[in-house]
Structure formats: C-alpha cells, structure tokens
C-alpha cells in the first residue's frame, strides 16, 4: 500500500523538475522575459501533460507586458497558455499537485480577466483558485507558495471597488481581509519556493497602496515596500519593472 501511495503521489507532481522551473524563473526575474518564455516553451515540450511550464510561460509574457507598460501585449497568447495550463491541471490525477497548479493557473487567469475588465469571470476564477489552494493546504499545511494566491485573494477583495465587491458577494467570495492578505503574502515572501520572488514583489506593491491609504503609517509602509524592491533590483538589476518602481518612488512627493 505504501508503494502504491508513493507512486500515486509521483503522478500528481509536475514532470518537470523544480530545479528547472527555478532556473526559468530566475531568468524571468532577471528581466530576460523573451528568453524565459522560450525556456518554458522548451520545458513544456518535454511533457505535454504538465501544467507547470505552461503556467510560467504565461507568467513570462505577463511580466514582459508589465515591463512594456502595455496590458494588451500578447494578451491572446497569455489567455491561451493559461487556458491550456488549466486544462492540463484538470486532466491530471486529483491530488495536491493537481490542485496546486490548477490554483496557480486560475490565479493568473483571474488577474488577467480583472485587468481587462471582466469582473464576473475574474471572480469565478478567484473563487476556484481559493478553493483549490485550500485543498492543497488541507493535504499539506507546509505549502508556503499557496499563501501568495490566498493573500492576493484576501487583499484584493478587501480593497476592491464597490462593483467588484458586489460581484464577489454574488459569486460567494466573501469580503476579504486586507491584514490577513498582507500576512499571507509575507509568509509566501519569507518561506515560499517557486512563489517567493513574486510574493516579495506583490507584497511591496500592496504596501505602497496601503501607504497611500494610511497617512499615519505611510513612512513605515513606504520604507518597507521600497526596501523590498531595492533588494529585488539589486539581485535582478535587469528587471525593468523593479527599476521603474524605484524611479517612481524616488520622484514621488514626500
């Protein structure tokens, strides 16, 4: 029985080694978005059932679009890649590996749909993402990477527009909690594996938004956010997204 359980667990995991995924992510965060996209394409060709490389290929194009400040850049390609990643994840054997990659791809797709004004479908993807990550944590409470998506979920709901909150209520997402969201993001940034760098970046962006909302804590929040991005920029000086954040922060009025 133990041998069978071990074999089933292996079937639940992505076929591409995590070290290979980390190497691609390191290229991505270094600002080599085209190279990272090609790298993940090649990884995906190793196993056409694995959702992990396809998910991160979409992420490479998302970062590339952010660097270009062009939300429409490769939008169709990103949507297609995320749809494929979700389909691959759903086609694999149910379990923690299945749910983790399903949740991750759904989270990226929710982000894309929200970015392009599709609040209803974004909310549905967000709910499905939340539920999938919750299943992963129920099976493996050590999944620190799960807390990035859950943190964005909690924070995004708490800070959503009135229309988005109405949609969230209809879909059954709840109201969210900004403090809990920030706490979850901090955990992913401190303890995460594949999600660590993205969690640091997302947390810094959230702290900068919180600073604009809270004059009393603004200096401390801005300092934390900018120190975090400065560390990222020092590690990855070729990343245009990090560099632009620091330039804009330096130019902001006191």
C-alpha atoms as a PDB file:
ATOM      1  CA  UNK A   1       0.000   0.000   0.000  1.00  0.00           C
ATOM      2  CA  UNK A   2       2.846   2.414   0.785  1.00  0.00           C
ATOM      3  CA  UNK A   3       4.444   1.752  -2.590  1.00  0.00           C
ATOM      4  CA  UNK A   4       1.135   2.409  -4.320  1.00  0.00           C
ATOM      5  CA  UNK A   5       0.629   5.650  -2.377  1.00  0.00           C
ATOM      6  CA  UNK A   6       4.134   6.796  -3.305  1.00  0.00           C
ATOM      7  CA  UNK A   7       3.514   6.031  -6.965  1.00  0.00           C
ATOM      8  CA  UNK A   8       0.242   7.934  -6.929  1.00  0.00           C
ATOM      9  CA  UNK A   9       1.964  10.908  -5.302  1.00  0.00           C
ATOM     10  CA  UNK A  10       4.570  10.966  -8.052  1.00  0.00           C
ATOM     11  CA  UNK A  11       1.836  11.006 -10.659  1.00  0.00           C
ATOM     12  CA  UNK A  12       0.363  14.089  -9.000  1.00  0.00           C
ATOM     13  CA  UNK A  13       3.572  16.108  -9.318  1.00  0.00           C
ATOM     14  CA  UNK A  14       4.733  18.052 -12.372  1.00  0.00           C
ATOM     15  CA  UNK A  15       7.091  16.022 -14.567  1.00  0.00           C
ATOM     16  CA  UNK A  16       9.490  18.926 -14.981  1.00  0.00           C
ATOM     17  CA  UNK A  17      11.942  19.127 -12.101  1.00  0.00           C
ATOM     18  CA  UNK A  18      11.560  22.080  -9.730  1.00  0.00           C
ATOM     19  CA  UNK A  19      15.199  22.998 -10.217  1.00  0.00           C
ATOM     20  CA  UNK A  20      14.452  23.507 -13.917  1.00  0.00           C
ATOM     21  CA  UNK A  21      11.445  25.652 -13.061  1.00  0.00           C
ATOM     22  CA  UNK A  22      13.550  27.756 -10.675  1.00  0.00           C
ATOM     23  CA  UNK A  23      16.169  28.299 -13.395  1.00  0.00           C
ATOM     24  CA  UNK A  24      13.490  29.626 -15.744  1.00  0.00           C
ATOM     25  CA  UNK A  25      12.038  31.861 -13.061  1.00  0.00           C
ATOM     26  CA  UNK A  26      15.492  33.234 -12.294  1.00  0.00           C
ATOM     27  CA  UNK A  27      15.822  34.203 -15.970  1.00  0.00           C
ATOM     28  CA  UNK A  28      12.370  35.791 -15.870  1.00  0.00           C
ATOM     29  CA  UNK A  29      13.018  37.881 -12.753  1.00  0.00           C
ATOM     30  CA  UNK A  30      16.381  38.945 -14.150  1.00  0.00           C
ATOM     31  CA  UNK A  31      14.447  40.719 -16.895  1.00  0.00           C
ATOM     32  CA  UNK A  32      15.062  38.155 -19.618  1.00  0.00           C
ATOM     33  CA  UNK A  33      11.376  37.844 -20.430  1.00  0.00           C
ATOM     34  CA  UNK A  34      11.776  36.613 -24.052  1.00  0.00           C
ATOM     35  CA  UNK A  35      14.423  34.082 -23.013  1.00  0.00           C
ATOM     36  CA  UNK A  36      12.270  32.893 -20.106  1.00  0.00           C
ATOM     37  CA  UNK A  37       9.253  32.434 -22.372  1.00  0.00           C
ATOM     38  CA  UNK A  38      11.317  30.329 -24.792  1.00  0.00           C
ATOM     39  CA  UNK A  39      12.831  28.371 -21.921  1.00  0.00           C
ATOM     40  CA  UNK A  40       9.410  27.435 -20.532  1.00  0.00           C
ATOM     41  CA  UNK A  41       8.217  26.536 -24.020  1.00  0.00           C
ATOM     42  CA  UNK A  42      11.087  24.068 -24.249  1.00  0.00           C
ATOM     43  CA  UNK A  43      10.336  22.671 -20.789  1.00  0.00           C
ATOM     44  CA  UNK A  44       6.706  22.215 -21.757  1.00  0.00           C
ATOM     45  CA  UNK A  45       7.727  20.207 -24.799  1.00  0.00           C
ATOM     46  CA  UNK A  46       9.285  17.583 -22.510  1.00  0.00           C
ATOM     47  CA  UNK A  47       5.864  16.556 -21.243  1.00  0.00           C
ATOM     48  CA  UNK A  48       2.740  17.828 -22.940  1.00  0.00           C
ATOM     49  CA  UNK A  49       0.613  16.915 -19.909  1.00  0.00           C
ATOM     50  CA  UNK A  50       2.493  19.052 -17.350  1.00  0.00           C
ATOM     51  CA  UNK A  51       0.774  22.365 -16.467  1.00  0.00           C
ATOM     52  CA  UNK A  52       3.779  23.901 -14.680  1.00  0.00           C
ATOM     53  CA  UNK A  53       5.904  25.105 -17.621  1.00  0.00           C
ATOM     54  CA  UNK A  54       2.867  26.431 -19.489  1.00  0.00           C
ATOM     55  CA  UNK A  55       1.778  28.387 -16.420  1.00  0.00           C
ATOM     56  CA  UNK A  56       5.174  30.031 -16.096  1.00  0.00           C
ATOM     57  CA  UNK A  57       5.401  30.666 -19.824  1.00  0.00           C
ATOM     58  CA  UNK A  58       2.233  32.727 -19.433  1.00  0.00           C
ATOM     59  CA  UNK A  59       3.814  34.444 -16.420  1.00  0.00           C
ATOM     60  CA  UNK A  60       6.846  35.409 -18.530  1.00  0.00           C
ATOM     61  CA  UNK A  61       4.569  37.185 -21.007  1.00  0.00           C
ATOM     62  CA  UNK A  62       2.656  38.855 -18.159  1.00  0.00           C
ATOM     63  CA  UNK A  63       5.904  40.273 -16.763  1.00  0.00           C
ATOM     64  CA  UNK A  64       7.012  41.244 -20.261  1.00  0.00           C
ATOM     65  CA  UNK A  65       3.772  43.174 -20.790  1.00  0.00           C
ATOM     66  CA  UNK A  66       4.265  44.909 -17.433  1.00  0.00           C
ATOM     67  CA  UNK A  67       7.803  45.905 -18.401  1.00  0.00           C
ATOM     68  CA  UNK A  68       6.482  47.371 -21.652  1.00  0.00           C
ATOM     69  CA  UNK A  69       3.594  49.073 -19.786  1.00  0.00           C
ATOM     70  CA  UNK A  70       1.286  47.541 -22.383  1.00  0.00           C
ATOM     71  CA  UNK A  71      -1.583  45.477 -20.960  1.00  0.00           C
ATOM     72  CA  UNK A  72      -2.507  44.294 -24.455  1.00  0.00           C
ATOM     73  CA  UNK A  73       0.901  42.827 -25.231  1.00  0.00           C
ATOM     74  CA  UNK A  74       0.482  39.143 -26.168  1.00  0.00           C
ATOM     75  CA  UNK A  75      -2.886  39.144 -24.438  1.00  0.00           C
ATOM     76  CA  UNK A  76      -4.298  36.408 -26.671  1.00  0.00           C
ATOM     77  CA  UNK A  77      -1.214  34.245 -26.184  1.00  0.00           C
ATOM     78  CA  UNK A  78      -1.361  34.662 -22.405  1.00  0.00           C
ATOM     79  CA  UNK A  79      -5.042  33.716 -22.315  1.00  0.00           C
ATOM     80  CA  UNK A  80      -4.401  30.671 -24.490  1.00  0.00           C
ATOM     81  CA  UNK A  81      -1.492  29.494 -22.357  1.00  0.00           C
ATOM     82  CA  UNK A  82      -3.466  29.839 -19.136  1.00  0.00           C
ATOM     83  CA  UNK A  83      -6.444  28.003 -20.618  1.00  0.00           C
ATOM     84  CA  UNK A  84      -4.070  25.203 -21.637  1.00  0.00           C
ATOM     85  CA  UNK A  85      -2.444  25.096 -18.195  1.00  0.00           C
ATOM     86  CA  UNK A  86      -5.850  24.852 -16.504  1.00  0.00           C
ATOM     87  CA  UNK A  87      -6.951  22.104 -18.888  1.00  0.00           C
ATOM     88  CA  UNK A  88      -3.736  20.154 -18.236  1.00  0.00           C
ATOM     89  CA  UNK A  89      -4.102  20.536 -14.467  1.00  0.00           C
ATOM     90  CA  UNK A  90      -7.703  19.347 -14.567  1.00  0.00           C
ATOM     91  CA  UNK A  91      -6.745  16.365 -16.700  1.00  0.00           C
ATOM     92  CA  UNK A  92      -4.171  15.086 -14.189  1.00  0.00           C
ATOM     93  CA  UNK A  93      -4.946  12.800 -11.284  1.00  0.00           C
ATOM     94  CA  UNK A  94      -6.650  14.692  -8.413  1.00  0.00           C
ATOM     95  CA  UNK A  95      -4.361  15.487  -5.501  1.00  0.00           C
ATOM     96  CA  UNK A  96      -2.132  18.190  -4.098  1.00  0.00           C
ATOM     97  CA  UNK A  97      -0.033  18.531  -7.280  1.00  0.00           C
ATOM     98  CA  UNK A  98      -3.149  18.743  -9.429  1.00  0.00           C
ATOM     99  CA  UNK A  99      -4.733  21.358  -7.181  1.00  0.00           C
ATOM    100  CA  UNK A 100      -1.615  23.483  -6.768  1.00  0.00           C
ATOM    101  CA  UNK A 101      -1.081  24.007 -10.490  1.00  0.00           C
ATOM    102  CA  UNK A 102      -4.789  24.381 -11.111  1.00  0.00           C
ATOM    103  CA  UNK A 103      -4.947  27.102  -8.455  1.00  0.00           C
ATOM    104  CA  UNK A 104      -1.831  28.855  -9.738  1.00  0.00           C
ATOM    105  CA  UNK A 105      -3.053  28.988 -13.334  1.00  0.00           C
ATOM    106  CA  UNK A 106      -6.514  30.099 -12.202  1.00  0.00           C
ATOM    107  CA  UNK A 107      -4.936  32.870 -10.144  1.00  0.00           C
ATOM    108  CA  UNK A 108      -3.041  34.221 -13.134  1.00  0.00           C
ATOM    109  CA  UNK A 109      -6.164  33.985 -15.286  1.00  0.00           C
ATOM    110  CA  UNK A 110      -8.226  35.812 -12.658  1.00  0.00           C
ATOM    111  CA  UNK A 111      -5.601  38.553 -12.685  1.00  0.00           C
ATOM    112  CA  UNK A 112      -5.785  38.832 -16.469  1.00  0.00           C
ATOM    113  CA  UNK A 113      -9.567  38.897 -16.540  1.00  0.00           C
ATOM    114  CA  UNK A 114      -9.727  41.550 -13.836  1.00  0.00           C
ATOM    115  CA  UNK A 115      -7.092  43.618 -15.653  1.00  0.00           C
ATOM    116  CA  UNK A 116      -9.220  43.626 -18.781  1.00  0.00           C
ATOM    117  CA  UNK A 117     -12.497  44.476 -17.053  1.00  0.00           C
ATOM    118  CA  UNK A 118     -14.094  41.031 -16.841  1.00  0.00           C
ATOM    119  CA  UNK A 119     -15.055  41.181 -13.171  1.00  0.00           C
ATOM    120  CA  UNK A 120     -17.538  38.318 -13.217  1.00  0.00           C
ATOM    121  CA  UNK A 121     -15.218  35.724 -14.760  1.00  0.00           C
ATOM    122  CA  UNK A 122     -12.310  37.020 -12.661  1.00  0.00           C
ATOM    123  CA  UNK A 123     -14.365  36.479  -9.507  1.00  0.00           C
ATOM    124  CA  UNK A 124     -15.282  32.941 -10.544  1.00  0.00           C
ATOM    125  CA  UNK A 125     -11.645  32.104 -11.236  1.00  0.00           C
ATOM    126  CA  UNK A 126     -10.651  33.676  -7.925  1.00  0.00           C
ATOM    127  CA  UNK A 127     -13.143  31.521  -6.031  1.00  0.00           C
ATOM    128  CA  UNK A 128     -11.932  28.372  -7.812  1.00  0.00           C
ATOM    129  CA  UNK A 129      -8.318  29.338  -7.075  1.00  0.00           C
ATOM    130  CA  UNK A 130      -9.079  29.856  -3.384  1.00  0.00           C
ATOM    131  CA  UNK A 131     -10.820  26.504  -3.095  1.00  0.00           C
ATOM    132  CA  UNK A 132      -8.009  24.656  -4.870  1.00  0.00           C
ATOM    133  CA  UNK A 133      -5.311  26.184  -2.652  1.00  0.00           C
ATOM    134  CA  UNK A 134      -7.420  25.343   0.396  1.00  0.00           C
ATOM    135  CA  UNK A 135      -7.466  21.699  -0.708  1.00  0.00           C
ATOM    136  CA  UNK A 136      -3.677  21.753  -1.088  1.00  0.00           C
ATOM    137  CA  UNK A 137      -3.217  23.166   2.420  1.00  0.00           C
ATOM    138  CA  UNK A 138      -5.651  20.629   3.852  1.00  0.00           C
ATOM    139  CA  UNK A 139      -3.355  17.899   2.493  1.00  0.00           C
ATOM    140  CA  UNK A 140      -0.048  19.715   3.069  1.00  0.00           C
ATOM    141  CA  UNK A 141      -0.009  22.551   5.578  1.00  0.00           C
ATOM    142  CA  UNK A 142       3.619  23.389   4.670  1.00  0.00           C
ATOM    143  CA  UNK A 143       2.734  24.766   1.209  1.00  0.00           C
ATOM    144  CA  UNK A 144       4.056  28.303   1.715  1.00  0.00           C
ATOM    145  CA  UNK A 145       3.690  29.038  -2.009  1.00  0.00           C
ATOM    146  CA  UNK A 146      -0.077  28.663  -1.598  1.00  0.00           C
ATOM    147  CA  UNK A 147      -0.189  31.778   0.549  1.00  0.00           C
ATOM    148  CA  UNK A 148       0.654  34.116  -2.313  1.00  0.00           C
ATOM    149  CA  UNK A 149      -2.582  33.400  -4.140  1.00  0.00           C
ATOM    150  CA  UNK A 150      -4.582  33.315  -0.921  1.00  0.00           C
ATOM    151  CA  UNK A 151      -3.028  36.597   0.178  1.00  0.00           C
ATOM    152  CA  UNK A 152      -3.856  38.315  -3.097  1.00  0.00           C
ATOM    153  CA  UNK A 153      -7.382  36.908  -2.789  1.00  0.00           C
ATOM    154  CA  UNK A 154      -7.918  38.308   0.707  1.00  0.00           C
ATOM    155  CA  UNK A 155      -6.263  41.642  -0.002  1.00  0.00           C
ATOM    156  CA  UNK A 156      -7.918  42.115  -3.398  1.00  0.00           C
ATOM    157  CA  UNK A 157     -11.390  41.501  -2.007  1.00  0.00           C
ATOM    158  CA  UNK A 158     -10.818  43.869   0.899  1.00  0.00           C
ATOM    159  CA  UNK A 159      -9.655  46.672  -1.399  1.00  0.00           C
ATOM    160  CA  UNK A 160     -11.985  46.024  -4.341  1.00  0.00           C
ATOM    161  CA  UNK A 161     -14.271  48.635  -5.884  1.00  0.00           C
ATOM    162  CA  UNK A 162     -17.955  48.704  -4.958  1.00  0.00           C
ATOM    163  CA  UNK A 163     -18.857  46.919  -8.216  1.00  0.00           C
ATOM    164  CA  UNK A 164     -16.227  44.250  -7.673  1.00  0.00           C
ATOM    165  CA  UNK A 165     -17.440  43.722  -4.097  1.00  0.00           C
ATOM    166  CA  UNK A 166     -20.989  43.283  -5.379  1.00  0.00           C
ATOM    167  CA  UNK A 167     -19.833  40.711  -7.917  1.00  0.00           C
ATOM    168  CA  UNK A 168     -17.794  38.971  -5.216  1.00  0.00           C
ATOM    169  CA  UNK A 169     -20.831  38.785  -2.959  1.00  0.00           C
ATOM    170  CA  UNK A 170     -22.968  37.291  -5.713  1.00  0.00           C
ATOM    171  CA  UNK A 171     -20.315  34.700  -6.561  1.00  0.00           C
ATOM    172  CA  UNK A 172     -19.817  33.892  -2.883  1.00  0.00           C
ATOM    173  CA  UNK A 173     -16.271  35.137  -2.398  1.00  0.00           C
ATOM    174  CA  UNK A 174     -16.843  36.969   0.870  1.00  0.00           C
ATOM    175  CA  UNK A 175     -15.496  40.388   1.830  1.00  0.00           C
ATOM    176  CA  UNK A 176     -11.785  39.694   2.249  1.00  0.00           C
ATOM    177  CA  UNK A 177      -9.412  40.951   4.903  1.00  0.00           C
ATOM    178  CA  UNK A 178      -6.510  43.237   3.994  1.00  0.00           C
ATOM    179  CA  UNK A 179      -4.453  42.479   7.116  1.00  0.00           C
ATOM    180  CA  UNK A 180      -4.834  38.751   6.600  1.00  0.00           C
ATOM    181  CA  UNK A 181      -3.944  39.180   2.937  1.00  0.00           C
ATOM    182  CA  UNK A 182      -0.737  41.039   3.774  1.00  0.00           C
ATOM    183  CA  UNK A 183       0.119  38.437   6.394  1.00  0.00           C
ATOM    184  CA  UNK A 184      -0.309  35.631   3.866  1.00  0.00           C
ATOM    185  CA  UNK A 185       1.834  37.472   1.305  1.00  0.00           C
ATOM    186  CA  UNK A 186       4.539  37.994   3.915  1.00  0.00           C
ATOM    187  CA  UNK A 187       4.571  34.277   4.614  1.00  0.00           C
ATOM    188  CA  UNK A 188       4.949  33.426   0.930  1.00  0.00           C
ATOM    189  CA  UNK A 189       7.709  36.022   0.587  1.00  0.00           C
ATOM    190  CA  UNK A 190       9.579  34.656   3.609  1.00  0.00           C
ATOM    191  CA  UNK A 191       9.034  30.909   3.218  1.00  0.00           C
ATOM    192  CA  UNK A 192       7.988  30.318  -0.369  1.00  0.00           C
ATOM    193  CA  UNK A 193       9.845  28.366  -3.005  1.00  0.00           C
ATOM    194  CA  UNK A 194       8.665  28.984  -6.568  1.00  0.00           C
ATOM    195  CA  UNK A 195       6.471  31.908  -5.460  1.00  0.00           C
ATOM    196  CA  UNK A 196       8.984  33.688  -3.208  1.00  0.00           C
ATOM    197  CA  UNK A 197      10.164  36.453  -5.580  1.00  0.00           C
ATOM    198  CA  UNK A 198       6.727  37.181  -6.992  1.00  0.00           C
ATOM    199  CA  UNK A 199       5.375  37.287  -3.442  1.00  0.00           C
ATOM    200  CA  UNK A 200       8.014  39.861  -2.458  1.00  0.00           C
ATOM    201  CA  UNK A 201       7.059  41.993  -5.445  1.00  0.00           C
ATOM    202  CA  UNK A 202       3.298  41.717  -4.933  1.00  0.00           C
ATOM    203  CA  UNK A 203       3.671  42.432  -1.217  1.00  0.00           C
ATOM    204  CA  UNK A 204       5.734  45.564  -1.937  1.00  0.00           C
ATOM    205  CA  UNK A 205       3.128  46.820  -4.402  1.00  0.00           C
ATOM    206  CA  UNK A 206       0.368  46.196  -1.844  1.00  0.00           C
ATOM    207  CA  UNK A 207       2.306  48.025   0.883  1.00  0.00           C
ATOM    208  CA  UNK A 208       2.767  51.015  -1.414  1.00  0.00           C
ATOM    209  CA  UNK A 209      -1.003  51.109  -1.966  1.00  0.00           C
ATOM    210  CA  UNK A 210      -1.595  50.815   1.768  1.00  0.00           C
ATOM    211  CA  UNK A 211       0.743  53.750   2.345  1.00  0.00           C
ATOM    212  CA  UNK A 212      -1.449  55.921   0.131  1.00  0.00           C
ATOM    213  CA  UNK A 213      -4.482  54.930   2.218  1.00  0.00           C
ATOM    214  CA  UNK A 214      -2.928  55.409   5.664  1.00  0.00           C
ATOM    215  CA  UNK A 215      -1.143  58.756   6.242  1.00  0.00           C
ATOM    216  CA  UNK A 216      -0.187  57.773   9.773  1.00  0.00           C
ATOM    217  CA  UNK A 217       1.715  54.643   8.764  1.00  0.00           C
ATOM    218  CA  UNK A 218       2.767  55.949   5.374  1.00  0.00           C
ATOM    219  CA  UNK A 219       6.503  56.439   6.122  1.00  0.00           C
ATOM    220  CA  UNK A 220       6.918  52.937   7.559  1.00  0.00           C
ATOM    221  CA  UNK A 221       4.900  51.253   4.813  1.00  0.00           C
ATOM    222  CA  UNK A 222       6.708  53.113   2.038  1.00  0.00           C
ATOM    223  CA  UNK A 223      10.060  52.312   3.593  1.00  0.00           C
ATOM    224  CA  UNK A 224       9.263  48.597   3.798  1.00  0.00           C
ATOM    225  CA  UNK A 225       7.950  48.490   0.236  1.00  0.00           C
ATOM    226  CA  UNK A 226      10.882  50.361  -1.254  1.00  0.00           C
ATOM    227  CA  UNK A 227      13.478  48.415   0.710  1.00  0.00           C
ATOM    228  CA  UNK A 228      11.953  45.184  -0.556  1.00  0.00           C
ATOM    229  CA  UNK A 229      12.017  46.300  -4.191  1.00  0.00           C
ATOM    230  CA  UNK A 230      15.536  47.679  -3.760  1.00  0.00           C
ATOM    231  CA  UNK A 231      16.652  44.203  -2.678  1.00  0.00           C
ATOM    232  CA  UNK A 232      14.937  42.678  -5.699  1.00  0.00           C
ATOM    233  CA  UNK A 233      16.508  45.247  -8.017  1.00  0.00           C
ATOM    234  CA  UNK A 234      19.942  44.624  -6.535  1.00  0.00           C
ATOM    235  CA  UNK A 235      19.550  40.905  -7.181  1.00  0.00           C
ATOM    236  CA  UNK A 236      17.958  41.411 -10.608  1.00  0.00           C
ATOM    237  CA  UNK A 237      19.239  44.756 -11.964  1.00  0.00           C
ATOM    238  CA  UNK A 238      17.986  43.983 -15.481  1.00  0.00           C
ATOM    239  CA  UNK A 239      14.325  43.816 -14.457  1.00  0.00           C
ATOM    240  CA  UNK A 240      12.654  46.936 -15.863  1.00  0.00           C
ATOM    241  CA  UNK A 241       9.589  46.507 -13.621  1.00  0.00           C
ATOM    242  CA  UNK A 242      11.645  46.773 -10.432  1.00  0.00           C
ATOM    243  CA  UNK A 243      13.705  49.659 -11.765  1.00  0.00           C
ATOM    244  CA  UNK A 244      10.610  51.651 -12.768  1.00  0.00           C
ATOM    245  CA  UNK A 245       9.093  51.191  -9.315  1.00  0.00           C
ATOM    246  CA  UNK A 246      12.217  52.624  -7.689  1.00  0.00           C
ATOM    247  CA  UNK A 247      12.393  55.569 -10.104  1.00  0.00           C
ATOM    248  CA  UNK A 248       8.763  56.458  -9.496  1.00  0.00           C
ATOM    249  CA  UNK A 249       9.228  56.109  -5.744  1.00  0.00           C
ATOM    250  CA  UNK A 250      12.230  58.445  -5.853  1.00  0.00           C
ATOM    251  CA  UNK A 251      10.241  61.012  -7.854  1.00  0.00           C
ATOM    252  CA  UNK A 252       7.159  60.845  -5.615  1.00  0.00           C
ATOM    253  CA  UNK A 253       6.468  63.899  -3.431  1.00  0.00           C
ATOM    254  CA  UNK A 254       7.331  63.481   0.255  1.00  0.00           C
END
